[in-house]
Protein backbone atom coordinates (compact mmCIF):
# COMPACT_ATOMS: atom_id res chain seq x y z
CA MET A 1 -11.13 -8.80 0.04
CA ILE A 2 -9.86 -5.49 -1.19
CA GLY A 3 -8.21 -3.58 1.61
CA LEU A 4 -6.35 -6.54 3.05
CA ASP A 5 -2.57 -6.69 2.94
CA TYR A 6 -1.57 -8.02 -0.45
CA THR A 7 1.75 -8.10 -2.27
CA PRO A 8 2.61 -4.60 -3.53
CA ILE A 9 1.48 -4.03 -7.12
CA LEU A 10 4.05 -2.72 -9.60
CA PRO A 11 3.19 0.39 -11.65
CA CYS A 12 1.46 0.11 -15.01
CA PRO A 13 3.85 -1.20 -17.69
CA PHE A 14 2.32 1.11 -20.32
CA CYS A 15 2.25 4.49 -18.61
CA GLY A 16 4.01 4.05 -15.25
CA SER A 17 0.98 5.13 -13.19
CA GLU A 18 -0.13 3.35 -10.04
CA ALA A 19 -2.05 0.13 -10.58
CA LYS A 20 -4.71 -1.34 -8.29
CA LEU A 21 -6.52 -4.58 -7.63
CA ALA A 22 -10.03 -4.70 -9.04
CA LYS A 23 -12.72 -7.22 -8.21
CA ARG A 24 -15.64 -7.67 -10.55
CA PRO A 25 -18.67 -9.95 -10.47
CA CYS A 26 -18.34 -13.13 -12.49
CA GLY A 27 -20.24 -16.39 -12.75
CA PHE A 28 -23.47 -14.70 -13.77
CA ASP A 29 -26.67 -16.71 -14.00
CA ASP A 30 -28.15 -16.17 -17.49
CA VAL A 31 -31.67 -15.79 -16.12
CA SER A 32 -31.25 -13.48 -13.13
CA LEU A 33 -27.88 -11.86 -13.99
CA GLU A 34 -27.02 -12.11 -10.30
CA CYS A 35 -23.78 -13.50 -8.96
CA TYR A 36 -23.96 -17.00 -7.60
CA PRO A 37 -24.13 -16.91 -3.79
CA PRO A 38 -20.91 -17.89 -1.94
CA GLU A 39 -22.55 -21.00 -0.51
CA SER A 40 -22.98 -22.37 -4.06
CA GLY A 41 -19.25 -23.05 -4.18
CA ILE A 42 -18.90 -20.94 -7.32
CA LYS A 43 -16.60 -17.96 -6.92
CA ASN A 44 -18.68 -14.83 -7.31
CA PHE A 45 -15.90 -12.45 -8.21
CA CYS A 46 -12.95 -12.23 -10.54
CA CYS A 47 -9.74 -10.38 -9.77
CA ASP A 48 -8.04 -8.14 -12.27
CA ILE A 49 -5.47 -5.34 -12.12
CA GLU A 50 -6.22 -1.92 -13.57
CA CYS A 51 -4.28 1.29 -14.09
CA THR A 52 -5.37 4.36 -12.13
CA ASP A 53 -4.77 6.66 -15.12
CA GLU A 54 -8.14 6.95 -16.86
CA ASN A 55 -6.41 7.68 -20.19
CA CYS A 56 -4.30 4.51 -20.11
CA TYR A 57 -4.96 1.42 -22.18
CA LEU A 58 -5.36 -0.60 -18.96
CA ALA A 59 -7.64 1.85 -17.13
CA PHE A 60 -10.45 -0.71 -17.24
CA GLY A 61 -8.22 -3.65 -16.40
CA ALA A 62 -6.31 -6.31 -18.23
CA GLY A 63 -9.41 -8.47 -18.66
CA TRP A 64 -8.22 -11.28 -16.41
CA THR A 65 -10.47 -13.57 -14.42
CA PHE A 66 -8.36 -14.81 -11.51
CA ASN A 67 -10.20 -16.06 -8.43
CA ASP A 68 -7.21 -15.37 -6.18
CA PRO A 69 -6.11 -11.73 -5.73
CA GLU A 70 -2.50 -12.78 -5.08
CA GLU A 71 -2.46 -14.76 -8.32
CA ALA A 72 -3.61 -11.69 -10.28
CA ILE A 73 -1.00 -9.51 -8.57
CA GLY A 74 1.72 -12.09 -9.20
CA PHE A 75 0.81 -12.32 -12.88
CA TRP A 76 0.83 -8.51 -13.20
CA ASN A 77 4.13 -8.17 -11.37
CA GLU A 78 5.86 -10.93 -13.36
CA ARG A 79 7.83 -9.00 -15.98
CA ARG A 80 11.14 -9.33 -17.73
CA ALA A 81 13.97 -7.37 -16.13
CA ASN A 82 14.06 -4.88 -19.04
CA ASP A 83 10.34 -4.08 -18.58
CA ARG A 84 10.86 -2.54 -15.13
């Protein structure tokens, strides 16, 4: 859950602003548009990383659908040395 101790997230590669973990509903049921309940075994959220600068390209996230927050953070943080 958001608020737990996760790996630190590197700044946005586009603007340098702080980035944050974002969780969004996923696995919608076409009829009810509700998330599947946790007991269904279907993950009911997707993790993404978004920039905190509302004018940045990534202000609404990178569009990823990771089920594991650490996997999303790791993917975001994985950059070439000259990108840092």
